[in-house]
Amino acid sequence: MRTRESRKGAFQKVGECLYRYSSNGVYFARVKFNRKEIRRSLETTDRNVARRELARFKDAQRQIDRSQGKLALTELCDRFLKTIHHQRPKTVAQKTLIIQRVKHDWPTGPSNQVPKVGPSDVDLWLSRYLFGPSSRNLHIATIKALFAMALRDNAICHSPAGHLRYVKREKPIRKTPSVEEFKAIVANIRSQQFNADAEESADFVEFIGLAGLGQAEASALRASDIDWERETITTFRHKTKTGFAIPLYPQVRELLWRRCARLNRGCDQRVFGIAEAKKAIAGACRRLGLPKYSHRSPDVYHAGNRARCR
């Protein structure tokens, strides 16, 4: 049995490419690929587990493309940015900002080789910023995607960002107006004679409440989405990217019939000419002395649901 001396202990060879450190009993792998020696702790004191981990380590090392061993982090960032142009402009802008932060604020510098990046480097980079759960999760998702691309290209055998966990976002308790408050808000918006969009905003808010739909679904509704014979409304949930149908409730039917009567026949127009009524709702709440409600779930449309069920 061969022993490699050390100041604090000794490496004892216990098998092919397998060593045991005498002071703590931890097993290490020692392999050679392309004349380059690689040592790695297997993080176990169990010999059977060490053998399995050694086999996995060897297999992972065989898959690495050695030609990318000197791939710089800044080069990986530039390569990543070329793959996100198909996404929404807002998403592209957010990810571009995060990648720029990687280039400028990385603890070991942007010229550091990707295979030499460790999990602690990722942790140090994230610790530089003070942000909320949503922004932190976006940074985590982007850095995970960055090193996942390097993993797919066989530049590394494991991702240094694989240990990161997403932060649970807080769920604020939103105030929901009563049925009477909902009706008062709609009536107050409609009564604003000097507002050119008063009728449009009132119909929009009333529809959201009575139909139980969100702002994005209501603003995208077209005349062709309404099936008068089957009494259904077909819409698209933008948040989950899925289509679905809801009943054409009597109160909603009257409102939509009036709205569609104003549209040009044979033209598939949007039922509502506005995309949101945030200011109208805020103004009505202020004039009525009510809390600051919004048309986001579950504020207005939950109150409308109760009004519809009465």
Protein backbone atom coordinates (compact mmCIF):
# COMPACT_ATOMS: atom_id res chain seq x y z
CA MET A 1 0.00 0.00 0.00
CA ARG A 2 1.43 3.33 -1.07
CA THR A 3 1.19 6.38 1.15
CA ARG A 4 1.56 10.03 0.18
CA GLU A 5 2.79 12.05 3.17
CA SER A 6 1.18 15.32 4.23
CA ARG A 7 1.70 17.72 7.10
CA LYS A 8 -1.57 16.87 8.80
CA GLY A 9 -2.12 13.34 7.51
CA ALA A 10 -1.35 10.93 4.72
CA PHE A 11 -3.09 9.89 1.51
CA GLN A 12 -3.30 6.11 1.39
CA LYS A 13 -3.98 4.44 -1.94
CA VAL A 14 -6.76 1.90 -1.42
CA GLY A 15 -7.68 1.19 -5.03
CA GLU A 16 -7.26 2.33 -8.59
CA CYS A 17 -7.60 6.14 -8.60
CA LEU A 18 -8.95 5.95 -5.04
CA TYR A 19 -7.20 7.43 -1.99
CA ARG A 20 -8.11 7.70 1.68
CA TYR A 21 -6.97 10.59 3.87
CA SER A 22 -5.72 9.12 7.14
CA SER A 23 -6.63 11.97 9.49
CA ASN A 24 -10.37 12.01 8.78
CA GLY A 25 -11.02 8.90 6.66
CA VAL A 26 -12.43 10.85 3.70
CA TYR A 27 -11.94 9.28 0.28
CA PHE A 28 -10.48 11.17 -2.68
CA ALA A 29 -10.39 10.55 -6.41
CA ARG A 30 -7.16 11.01 -8.35
CA VAL A 31 -7.47 10.57 -12.10
CA LYS A 32 -5.62 11.67 -15.23
CA PHE A 33 -7.19 12.90 -18.46
CA ASN A 34 -5.10 14.20 -21.35
CA ARG A 35 -1.99 14.14 -19.14
CA LYS A 36 -3.70 16.38 -16.59
CA GLU A 37 -4.11 15.17 -13.02
CA ILE A 38 -7.46 15.89 -11.34
CA ARG A 39 -8.09 15.43 -7.63
CA ARG A 40 -11.49 15.64 -6.04
CA SER A 41 -12.89 14.86 -2.62
CA LEU A 42 -15.64 12.23 -2.80
CA GLU A 43 -17.08 13.61 0.48
CA THR A 44 -17.63 10.24 2.12
CA THR A 45 -15.90 7.92 4.59
CA ASP A 46 -17.73 4.83 3.33
CA ARG A 47 -15.62 2.79 0.91
CA ASN A 48 -18.56 1.37 -1.07
CA VAL A 49 -20.06 4.82 -1.50
CA ALA A 50 -16.63 6.14 -2.48
CA ARG A 51 -16.36 3.56 -5.26
CA ARG A 52 -19.73 4.54 -6.67
CA GLU A 53 -18.87 8.24 -6.49
CA LEU A 54 -15.52 7.54 -8.15
CA ALA A 55 -17.27 5.80 -11.05
CA ARG A 56 -19.64 8.76 -11.46
CA PHE A 57 -16.73 11.19 -11.28
CA LYS A 58 -14.80 9.31 -13.97
CA ASP A 59 -17.85 9.15 -16.22
CA ALA A 60 -18.46 12.89 -15.80
CA GLN A 61 -14.83 13.69 -16.56
CA ARG A 62 -14.91 11.62 -19.75
CA GLN A 63 -17.83 13.70 -21.04
CA ILE A 64 -16.04 17.02 -20.57
CA ASP A 65 -14.85 18.70 -23.73
CA ARG A 66 -11.21 19.48 -22.89
CA SER A 67 -11.02 21.98 -25.74
CA GLN A 68 -13.28 24.26 -23.66
CA GLY A 69 -11.15 24.00 -20.56
CA LYS A 70 -10.04 27.62 -20.93
CA LEU A 71 -13.54 28.98 -21.66
CA ALA A 72 -13.73 32.37 -19.90
CA LEU A 73 -16.79 33.44 -17.97
CA THR A 74 -17.20 36.58 -20.08
CA GLU A 75 -17.18 34.43 -23.24
CA LEU A 76 -19.87 32.20 -21.76
CA CYS A 77 -21.94 35.30 -20.93
CA ASP A 78 -21.71 36.58 -24.51
CA ARG A 79 -22.72 33.16 -25.80
CA PHE A 80 -25.71 33.09 -23.44
CA LEU A 81 -26.98 36.52 -24.51
CA LYS A 82 -27.21 35.31 -28.11
CA THR A 83 -29.72 32.63 -27.07
CA ILE A 84 -32.37 34.86 -25.46
CA HIS A 85 -33.36 37.19 -28.31
CA HIS A 86 -36.57 35.22 -28.96
CA GLN A 87 -37.93 36.07 -25.52
CA ARG A 88 -40.05 39.08 -24.58
CA PRO A 89 -38.27 42.46 -24.70
CA LYS A 90 -38.75 42.97 -20.96
CA THR A 91 -37.28 39.54 -20.20
CA VAL A 92 -34.34 40.17 -22.52
CA ALA A 93 -33.65 43.51 -20.80
CA GLN A 94 -33.76 41.92 -17.33
CA LYS A 95 -31.47 39.02 -18.24
CA THR A 96 -29.06 41.34 -20.07
CA LEU A 97 -28.76 43.46 -16.92
CA ILE A 98 -28.05 40.37 -14.81
CA ILE A 99 -25.41 39.11 -17.25
CA GLN A 100 -23.76 42.54 -17.19
CA ARG A 101 -23.63 42.24 -13.40
CA VAL A 102 -21.91 38.87 -13.79
CA LYS A 103 -19.28 40.47 -16.02
CA HIS A 104 -18.66 43.50 -13.81
CA ASP A 105 -19.13 42.13 -10.28
CA TRP A 106 -17.92 38.51 -10.39
CA PRO A 107 -15.69 37.86 -7.32
CA THR A 108 -12.82 36.29 -9.28
CA GLY A 109 -13.20 38.48 -12.35
CA PRO A 110 -14.92 37.91 -15.71
CA SER A 111 -11.80 36.35 -17.23
CA ASN A 112 -11.95 33.46 -14.77
CA GLN A 113 -12.21 30.08 -16.49
CA VAL A 114 -15.65 28.50 -16.24
CA PRO A 115 -14.38 25.06 -15.06
CA LYS A 116 -12.70 26.82 -12.11
CA VAL A 117 -15.89 28.54 -10.92
CA GLY A 118 -17.07 27.12 -7.60
CA PRO A 119 -20.38 27.30 -5.70
CA SER A 120 -18.88 29.80 -3.24
CA ASP A 121 -18.15 32.18 -6.14
CA VAL A 122 -21.83 32.14 -7.05
CA ASP A 123 -22.82 32.75 -3.42
CA LEU A 124 -20.41 35.68 -3.12
CA TRP A 125 -21.75 37.21 -6.32
CA LEU A 126 -25.37 37.00 -5.12
CA SER A 127 -24.45 38.44 -1.70
CA ARG A 128 -23.36 41.70 -3.35
CA TYR A 129 -26.96 42.75 -3.96
CA LEU A 130 -29.85 43.65 -1.71
CA PHE A 131 -33.07 42.72 -3.46
CA GLY A 132 -36.46 41.18 -2.77
CA PRO A 133 -37.59 37.60 -3.40
CA SER A 134 -38.79 38.25 -6.95
CA SER A 135 -35.55 39.88 -8.10
CA ARG A 136 -33.43 37.30 -6.30
CA ASN A 137 -35.32 34.45 -7.98
CA LEU A 138 -34.76 36.07 -11.38
CA HIS A 139 -31.01 36.32 -10.68
CA ILE A 140 -30.95 32.69 -9.56
CA ALA A 141 -32.86 31.51 -12.63
CA THR A 142 -30.51 33.41 -14.95
CA ILE A 143 -27.28 32.20 -13.33
CA LYS A 144 -28.63 28.64 -13.33
CA ALA A 145 -29.44 28.93 -17.05
CA LEU A 146 -25.99 30.38 -17.73
CA PHE A 147 -24.11 27.44 -16.21
CA ALA A 148 -26.68 24.94 -17.51
CA MET A 149 -25.63 25.98 -21.01
CA ALA A 150 -21.99 25.32 -20.12
CA LEU A 151 -23.06 21.94 -18.75
CA ARG A 152 -24.87 21.05 -21.98
CA ASP A 153 -21.79 22.06 -23.98
CA ASN A 154 -19.70 19.71 -21.80
CA ALA A 155 -17.51 22.57 -20.63
CA ILE A 156 -18.14 21.50 -17.01
CA CYS A 157 -19.31 18.28 -15.36
CA HIS A 158 -21.57 19.92 -12.79
CA SER A 159 -23.14 23.34 -12.35
CA PRO A 160 -21.72 25.60 -9.61
CA ALA A 161 -25.21 27.11 -9.32
CA GLY A 162 -26.99 23.80 -8.81
CA HIS A 163 -27.22 24.28 -5.04
CA LEU A 164 -29.18 27.53 -5.26
CA ARG A 165 -32.79 27.44 -4.10
CA TYR A 166 -35.54 29.84 -5.02
CA VAL A 167 -36.97 32.11 -2.33
CA LYS A 168 -40.63 31.76 -1.50
CA ARG A 169 -42.44 34.92 -2.47
CA GLU A 170 -44.69 36.62 0.03
CA LYS A 171 -48.40 36.47 -0.61
CA PRO A 172 -49.90 39.80 0.48
CA ILE A 173 -53.43 39.81 1.85
CA ARG A 174 -55.37 42.05 -0.50
CA LYS A 175 -58.47 43.86 0.64
CA THR A 176 -61.62 42.78 -1.17
CA PRO A 177 -64.53 45.23 -1.58
CA SER A 178 -68.00 44.21 -0.53
CA VAL A 179 -70.79 43.82 -3.08
CA GLU A 180 -72.13 47.25 -2.21
CA GLU A 181 -68.68 48.82 -2.51
CA PHE A 182 -68.14 47.15 -5.89
CA LYS A 183 -71.42 48.51 -7.24
CA ALA A 184 -70.63 51.95 -5.82
CA ILE A 185 -67.20 51.97 -7.51
CA VAL A 186 -68.70 51.09 -10.91
CA ALA A 187 -71.46 53.69 -10.52
CA ASN A 188 -69.01 56.38 -9.44
CA ILE A 189 -66.73 55.75 -12.42
CA ARG A 190 -69.71 55.88 -14.77
CA SER A 191 -70.95 59.16 -13.29
CA GLN A 192 -67.82 61.15 -14.21
CA GLN A 193 -69.32 63.30 -16.96
CA PHE A 194 -66.13 65.19 -17.77
CA ASN A 195 -64.10 62.02 -18.30
CA ALA A 196 -64.19 60.82 -21.91
CA ASP A 197 -63.33 57.26 -20.85
CA ALA A 198 -65.79 57.07 -17.95
CA GLU A 199 -68.25 54.73 -19.70
CA GLU A 200 -65.44 52.60 -21.12
CA SER A 201 -63.71 52.29 -17.74
CA ALA A 202 -66.95 51.51 -15.90
CA ASP A 203 -67.85 48.74 -18.35
CA PHE A 204 -64.33 47.33 -18.12
CA VAL A 205 -64.38 47.21 -14.30
CA GLU A 206 -67.91 45.83 -14.23
CA PHE A 207 -67.01 43.07 -16.69
CA ILE A 208 -63.93 42.04 -14.69
CA GLY A 209 -66.06 41.77 -11.58
CA LEU A 210 -69.04 39.98 -13.08
CA ALA A 211 -67.08 37.62 -15.35
CA GLY A 212 -64.37 36.80 -12.81
CA LEU A 213 -61.57 37.44 -15.31
CA GLY A 214 -58.27 39.23 -14.90
CA GLN A 215 -57.17 42.47 -16.49
CA ALA A 216 -55.14 40.81 -19.28
CA GLU A 217 -57.95 38.42 -20.25
CA ALA A 218 -60.56 41.19 -20.30
CA SER A 219 -58.46 43.58 -22.39
CA ALA A 220 -57.73 40.84 -24.97
CA LEU A 221 -61.38 39.77 -25.35
CA ARG A 222 -62.70 39.95 -28.92
CA ALA A 223 -66.22 39.71 -30.31
CA SER A 224 -65.42 36.32 -31.87
CA ASP A 225 -64.58 34.92 -28.42
CA ILE A 226 -68.25 35.15 -27.40
CA ASP A 227 -70.51 32.21 -28.33
CA TRP A 228 -74.03 33.56 -27.93
CA GLU A 229 -75.74 30.25 -28.75
CA ARG A 230 -73.70 28.08 -26.38
CA GLU A 231 -73.52 30.92 -23.87
CA THR A 232 -69.77 30.67 -23.32
CA ILE A 233 -66.78 33.01 -23.44
CA THR A 234 -63.49 31.58 -24.69
CA THR A 235 -60.41 33.36 -23.43
CA PHE A 236 -56.70 32.85 -22.83
CA ARG A 237 -55.04 32.84 -19.42
CA HIS A 238 -51.88 34.87 -20.06
CA LYS A 239 -50.27 33.93 -16.76
CA THR A 240 -50.46 30.16 -17.38
CA LYS A 241 -50.51 30.32 -21.21
CA THR A 242 -53.67 28.18 -21.41
CA GLY A 243 -57.04 28.69 -23.07
CA PHE A 244 -60.31 28.09 -21.26
CA ALA A 245 -64.03 28.88 -21.42
CA ILE A 246 -66.37 30.43 -18.86
CA PRO A 247 -70.19 30.63 -18.81
CA LEU A 248 -71.86 33.68 -20.29
CA TYR A 249 -73.64 34.82 -17.13
CA PRO A 250 -76.91 36.78 -17.52
CA GLN A 251 -75.42 39.99 -16.07
CA VAL A 252 -72.37 39.66 -18.31
CA ARG A 253 -74.53 38.84 -21.36
CA GLU A 254 -76.40 42.13 -21.10
CA LEU A 255 -73.17 44.10 -20.75
CA LEU A 256 -71.41 42.35 -23.64
CA TRP A 257 -74.46 42.60 -25.91
CA ARG A 258 -74.43 46.35 -25.40
CA ARG A 259 -70.67 46.52 -26.02
CA CYS A 260 -70.74 44.37 -29.17
CA ALA A 261 -73.66 46.35 -30.62
CA ARG A 262 -71.30 49.32 -30.92
CA LEU A 263 -68.70 47.37 -32.89
CA ASN A 264 -68.55 47.21 -36.67
CA ARG A 265 -70.17 44.05 -37.99
CA GLY A 266 -67.83 41.61 -39.68
CA CYS A 267 -64.84 43.14 -37.93
CA ASP A 268 -63.23 41.10 -35.16
CA GLN A 269 -62.57 44.02 -32.84
CA ARG A 270 -61.67 44.03 -29.19
CA VAL A 271 -64.70 44.36 -26.96
CA PHE A 272 -63.00 46.96 -24.76
CA GLY A 273 -60.91 49.83 -26.02
CA ILE A 274 -58.75 50.08 -22.89
CA ALA A 275 -56.22 47.73 -21.33
CA GLU A 276 -56.63 48.76 -17.69
CA ALA A 277 -58.68 51.01 -15.41
CA LYS A 278 -56.23 51.56 -12.59
CA LYS A 279 -56.67 55.34 -12.41
CA ALA A 280 -60.45 55.10 -12.67
CA ILE A 281 -60.65 52.67 -9.74
CA ALA A 282 -58.21 54.72 -7.66
CA GLY A 283 -60.20 57.90 -8.31
CA ALA A 284 -63.50 56.25 -7.40
CA CYS A 285 -62.06 54.83 -4.18
CA ARG A 286 -60.69 58.25 -3.25
CA ARG A 287 -64.00 60.03 -3.92
CA LEU A 288 -65.99 57.39 -2.02
CA GLY A 289 -63.56 57.26 0.89
CA LEU A 290 -62.85 53.54 0.32
CA PRO A 291 -59.56 51.63 0.70
CA LYS A 292 -57.25 51.58 -2.30
CA TYR A 293 -58.66 48.66 -4.27
CA SER A 294 -57.32 47.51 -7.64
CA HIS A 295 -58.52 45.35 -10.53
CA ARG A 296 -55.91 42.74 -9.71
CA SER A 297 -56.91 39.39 -8.24
CA PRO A 298 -58.68 39.01 -5.91
CA ASP A 299 -59.81 42.60 -5.27
CA VAL A 300 -62.54 43.66 -7.66
CA TYR A 301 -63.56 40.49 -9.41
CA HIS A 302 -64.14 38.56 -6.18
CA ALA A 303 -66.60 41.23 -5.13
CA GLY A 304 -68.18 40.99 -8.58
CA ASN A 305 -68.49 37.23 -8.20
CA ARG A 306 -70.48 37.70 -5.03
CA ALA A 307 -72.64 40.29 -6.75
CA ARG A 308 -73.29 37.91 -9.64
CA CYS A 309 -74.27 35.07 -7.31
CA ARG A 310 -76.90 37.15 -5.54
